[in-house]
Amino acid sequence: MANARISAARLALGAAIGAAALAVAGGQKARAYEYTGVFPGGDCAAMAEKIPPSKLWYGHFTGQREWGVNLNKIQTRTVSGCFTNKATCENWLYQWRSAYQYNFWADYCVLSNQPRPRRPYAG
């Protein structure tokens, strides 16, 4: 009986914390990304013909992962692409970070037609 009361109290506390979090967020649920697999970014040149380049989000990612039969090799990947909004760009980065979990040192999304160059991590 005491365990049932403790469980009910924990459930009520959890519900209260969840409700408070929603209230703090302005009543909107926070949306977390889910790994669905990496996908290529948009072709910047083709998108710039239809959308002003200053309105495009440019994404860049460089990272590494273990690779090979015994996961005894390191594979490095650098990709970039353009997106119509920041959320899509951030989701794209999340997918690449999930697939290449090591040393992602030069990953970013910027609203720009001329992204500034980034230097790779030298440490």
C-alpha atoms as a PDB file:
ATOM      1  CA  MET A   1       0.000   0.000   0.000  1.00  0.00           C
ATOM      2  CA  ALA A   2       2.823   2.380   0.870  1.00  0.00           C
ATOM      3  CA  ASN A   3       4.594   1.510  -2.385  1.00  0.00           C
ATOM      4  CA  ALA A   4       1.427   2.336  -4.342  1.00  0.00           C
ATOM      5  CA  ARG A   5       1.238   5.761  -2.670  1.00  0.00           C
ATOM      6  CA  ILE A   6       4.908   6.445  -3.412  1.00  0.00           C
ATOM      7  CA  SER A   7       4.437   5.406  -7.057  1.00  0.00           C
ATOM      8  CA  ALA A   8       1.352   7.616  -7.352  1.00  0.00           C
ATOM      9  CA  ALA A   9       3.267  10.521  -5.809  1.00  0.00           C
ATOM     10  CA  ARG A  10       6.156  10.036  -8.254  1.00  0.00           C
ATOM     11  CA  LEU A  11       3.727   9.908 -11.176  1.00  0.00           C
ATOM     12  CA  ALA A  12       2.027  13.106 -10.004  1.00  0.00           C
ATOM     13  CA  LEU A  13       5.398  14.818  -9.563  1.00  0.00           C
ATOM     14  CA  GLY A  14       6.464  13.769 -13.049  1.00  0.00           C
ATOM     15  CA  ALA A  15       3.230  15.099 -14.533  1.00  0.00           C
ATOM     16  CA  ALA A  16       3.655  18.391 -12.676  1.00  0.00           C
ATOM     17  CA  ILE A  17       7.220  18.808 -13.920  1.00  0.00           C
ATOM     18  CA  GLY A  18       6.108  18.028 -17.472  1.00  0.00           C
ATOM     19  CA  ALA A  19       3.284  20.557 -17.267  1.00  0.00           C
ATOM     20  CA  ALA A  20       5.650  23.183 -15.885  1.00  0.00           C
ATOM     21  CA  ALA A  21       8.103  22.557 -18.719  1.00  0.00           C
ATOM     22  CA  LEU A  22       5.348  23.025 -21.272  1.00  0.00           C
ATOM     23  CA  ALA A  23       4.247  26.244 -19.580  1.00  0.00           C
ATOM     24  CA  VAL A  24       7.807  27.581 -19.639  1.00  0.00           C
ATOM     25  CA  ALA A  25       8.110  26.715 -23.327  1.00  0.00           C
ATOM     26  CA  GLY A  26       5.056  28.831 -24.094  1.00  0.00           C
ATOM     27  CA  GLY A  27       2.741  25.856 -24.369  1.00  0.00           C
ATOM     28  CA  GLN A  28       4.663  24.361 -27.288  1.00  0.00           C
ATOM     29  CA  LYS A  29       6.181  20.927 -27.093  1.00  0.00           C
ATOM     30  CA  ALA A  30       9.917  20.834 -27.634  1.00  0.00           C
ATOM     31  CA  ARG A  31      10.711  18.830 -30.743  1.00  0.00           C
ATOM     32  CA  ALA A  32      13.756  16.608 -30.610  1.00  0.00           C
ATOM     33  CA  TYR A  33      15.483  15.343 -33.709  1.00  0.00           C
ATOM     34  CA  GLU A  34      15.320  11.651 -34.486  1.00  0.00           C
ATOM     35  CA  TYR A  35      18.023   9.874 -36.438  1.00  0.00           C
ATOM     36  CA  THR A  36      16.553   8.979 -39.821  1.00  0.00           C
ATOM     37  CA  GLY A  37      19.771   8.718 -41.802  1.00  0.00           C
ATOM     38  CA  VAL A  38      22.081  11.160 -43.485  1.00  0.00           C
ATOM     39  CA  PHE A  39      20.846  13.026 -46.522  1.00  0.00           C
ATOM     40  CA  PRO A  40      22.546  15.369 -48.969  1.00  0.00           C
ATOM     41  CA  GLY A  41      22.169  19.089 -48.641  1.00  0.00           C
ATOM     42  CA  GLY A  42      20.574  21.112 -51.393  1.00  0.00           C
ATOM     43  CA  ASP A  43      22.558  22.273 -54.406  1.00  0.00           C
ATOM     44  CA  CYS A  44      23.430  25.880 -53.561  1.00  0.00           C
ATOM     45  CA  ALA A  45      23.833  27.031 -57.177  1.00  0.00           C
ATOM     46  CA  ALA A  46      20.469  25.590 -58.235  1.00  0.00           C
ATOM     47  CA  MET A  47      18.685  26.957 -55.175  1.00  0.00           C
ATOM     48  CA  ALA A  48      20.221  30.417 -55.644  1.00  0.00           C
ATOM     49  CA  GLU A  49      18.495  30.684 -59.029  1.00  0.00           C
ATOM     50  CA  LYS A  50      15.091  30.579 -57.311  1.00  0.00           C
ATOM     51  CA  ILE A  51      15.827  32.010 -53.869  1.00  0.00           C
ATOM     52  CA  PRO A  52      18.050  35.024 -53.139  1.00  0.00           C
ATOM     53  CA  PRO A  53      21.393  33.673 -51.854  1.00  0.00           C
ATOM     54  CA  SER A  54      21.176  35.929 -48.795  1.00  0.00           C
ATOM     55  CA  LYS A  55      18.021  34.012 -47.730  1.00  0.00           C
ATOM     56  CA  LEU A  56      19.602  30.550 -47.931  1.00  0.00           C
ATOM     57  CA  TRP A  57      21.056  28.666 -44.991  1.00  0.00           C
ATOM     58  CA  TYR A  58      24.466  27.177 -45.748  1.00  0.00           C
ATOM     59  CA  GLY A  59      25.457  24.056 -43.811  1.00  0.00           C
ATOM     60  CA  HIS A  60      28.914  22.528 -43.523  1.00  0.00           C
ATOM     61  CA  PHE A  61      29.995  19.359 -41.724  1.00  0.00           C
ATOM     62  CA  THR A  62      33.325  17.574 -41.244  1.00  0.00           C
ATOM     63  CA  GLY A  63      33.506  14.544 -38.968  1.00  0.00           C
ATOM     64  CA  GLN A  64      34.911  11.064 -38.511  1.00  0.00           C
ATOM     65  CA  ARG A  65      33.669   7.564 -37.658  1.00  0.00           C
ATOM     66  CA  GLU A  66      35.109   4.136 -37.004  1.00  0.00           C
ATOM     67  CA  TRP A  67      34.968   1.999 -40.104  1.00  0.00           C
ATOM     68  CA  GLY A  68      36.089  -1.365 -41.400  1.00  0.00           C
ATOM     69  CA  VAL A  69      35.499  -5.019 -40.603  1.00  0.00           C
ATOM     70  CA  ASN A  70      36.783  -4.672 -37.038  1.00  0.00           C
ATOM     71  CA  LEU A  71      36.086  -0.944 -36.750  1.00  0.00           C
ATOM     72  CA  ASN A  72      39.836  -0.462 -36.886  1.00  0.00           C
ATOM     73  CA  LYS A  73      39.912   2.392 -39.391  1.00  0.00           C
ATOM     74  CA  ILE A  74      38.811   6.006 -39.248  1.00  0.00           C
ATOM     75  CA  GLN A  75      36.764   7.450 -42.107  1.00  0.00           C
ATOM     76  CA  THR A  76      36.568  11.243 -42.521  1.00  0.00           C
ATOM     77  CA  ARG A  77      33.695  12.927 -44.336  1.00  0.00           C
ATOM     78  CA  THR A  78      33.139  16.553 -45.355  1.00  0.00           C
ATOM     79  CA  VAL A  79      29.782  17.627 -46.800  1.00  0.00           C
ATOM     80  CA  SER A  80      27.953  20.886 -47.367  1.00  0.00           C
ATOM     81  CA  GLY A  81      24.625  22.060 -48.709  1.00  0.00           C
ATOM     82  CA  CYS A  82      22.010  24.790 -48.761  1.00  0.00           C
ATOM     83  CA  PHE A  83      18.637  24.879 -47.046  1.00  0.00           C
ATOM     84  CA  THR A  84      15.584  27.115 -47.033  1.00  0.00           C
ATOM     85  CA  ASN A  85      15.394  27.376 -43.230  1.00  0.00           C
ATOM     86  CA  LYS A  86      17.535  26.948 -40.140  1.00  0.00           C
ATOM     87  CA  ALA A  87      15.553  24.002 -38.738  1.00  0.00           C
ATOM     88  CA  THR A  88      16.210  21.876 -41.823  1.00  0.00           C
ATOM     89  CA  CYS A  89      19.891  22.783 -41.721  1.00  0.00           C
ATOM     90  CA  GLU A  90      20.164  21.917 -38.013  1.00  0.00           C
ATOM     91  CA  ASN A  91      18.380  18.592 -38.622  1.00  0.00           C
ATOM     92  CA  TRP A  92      20.812  17.868 -41.449  1.00  0.00           C
ATOM     93  CA  LEU A  93      23.745  18.544 -39.072  1.00  0.00           C
ATOM     94  CA  TYR A  94      22.189  16.269 -36.441  1.00  0.00           C
ATOM     95  CA  GLN A  95      21.941  13.411 -38.954  1.00  0.00           C
ATOM     96  CA  TRP A  96      25.602  13.758 -39.963  1.00  0.00           C
ATOM     97  CA  ARG A  97      26.760  14.091 -36.336  1.00  0.00           C
ATOM     98  CA  SER A  98      24.871  10.897 -35.521  1.00  0.00           C
ATOM     99  CA  ALA A  99      26.544   8.967 -38.342  1.00  0.00           C
ATOM    100  CA  TYR A 100      30.049  10.452 -37.904  1.00  0.00           C
ATOM    101  CA  GLN A 101      30.340  10.786 -34.129  1.00  0.00           C
ATOM    102  CA  TYR A 102      34.026  11.658 -33.799  1.00  0.00           C
ATOM    103  CA  ASN A 103      35.833  14.958 -34.189  1.00  0.00           C
ATOM    104  CA  PHE A 104      33.100  16.991 -35.817  1.00  0.00           C
ATOM    105  CA  TRP A 105      35.002  20.216 -35.533  1.00  0.00           C
ATOM    106  CA  ALA A 106      33.801  22.262 -38.462  1.00  0.00           C
ATOM    107  CA  ASP A 107      30.031  21.932 -38.483  1.00  0.00           C
ATOM    108  CA  TYR A 108      27.763  24.928 -38.691  1.00  0.00           C
ATOM    109  CA  CYS A 109      24.721  26.513 -40.293  1.00  0.00           C
ATOM    110  CA  VAL A 110      24.895  30.163 -41.357  1.00  0.00           C
ATOM    111  CA  LEU A 111      22.462  32.449 -43.137  1.00  0.00           C
ATOM    112  CA  SER A 112      24.736  33.702 -45.841  1.00  0.00           C
ATOM    113  CA  ASN A 113      25.513  33.619 -49.515  1.00  0.00           C
ATOM    114  CA  GLN A 114      29.236  33.760 -48.775  1.00  0.00           C
ATOM    115  CA  PRO A 115      30.000  31.555 -45.745  1.00  0.00           C
ATOM    116  CA  ARG A 116      33.235  32.368 -44.023  1.00  0.00           C
ATOM    117  CA  PRO A 117      35.892  29.665 -44.281  1.00  0.00           C
ATOM    118  CA  ARG A 118      36.575  27.628 -41.183  1.00  0.00           C
ATOM    119  CA  ARG A 119      39.944  26.213 -40.242  1.00  0.00           C
ATOM    120  CA  PRO A 120      40.014  22.542 -39.322  1.00  0.00           C
ATOM    121  CA  TYR A 121      40.865  21.582 -35.787  1.00  0.00           C
ATOM    122  CA  ALA A 122      44.632  21.346 -35.482  1.00  0.00           C
ATOM    123  CA  GLY A 123      44.880  19.843 -32.000  1.00  0.00           C
END
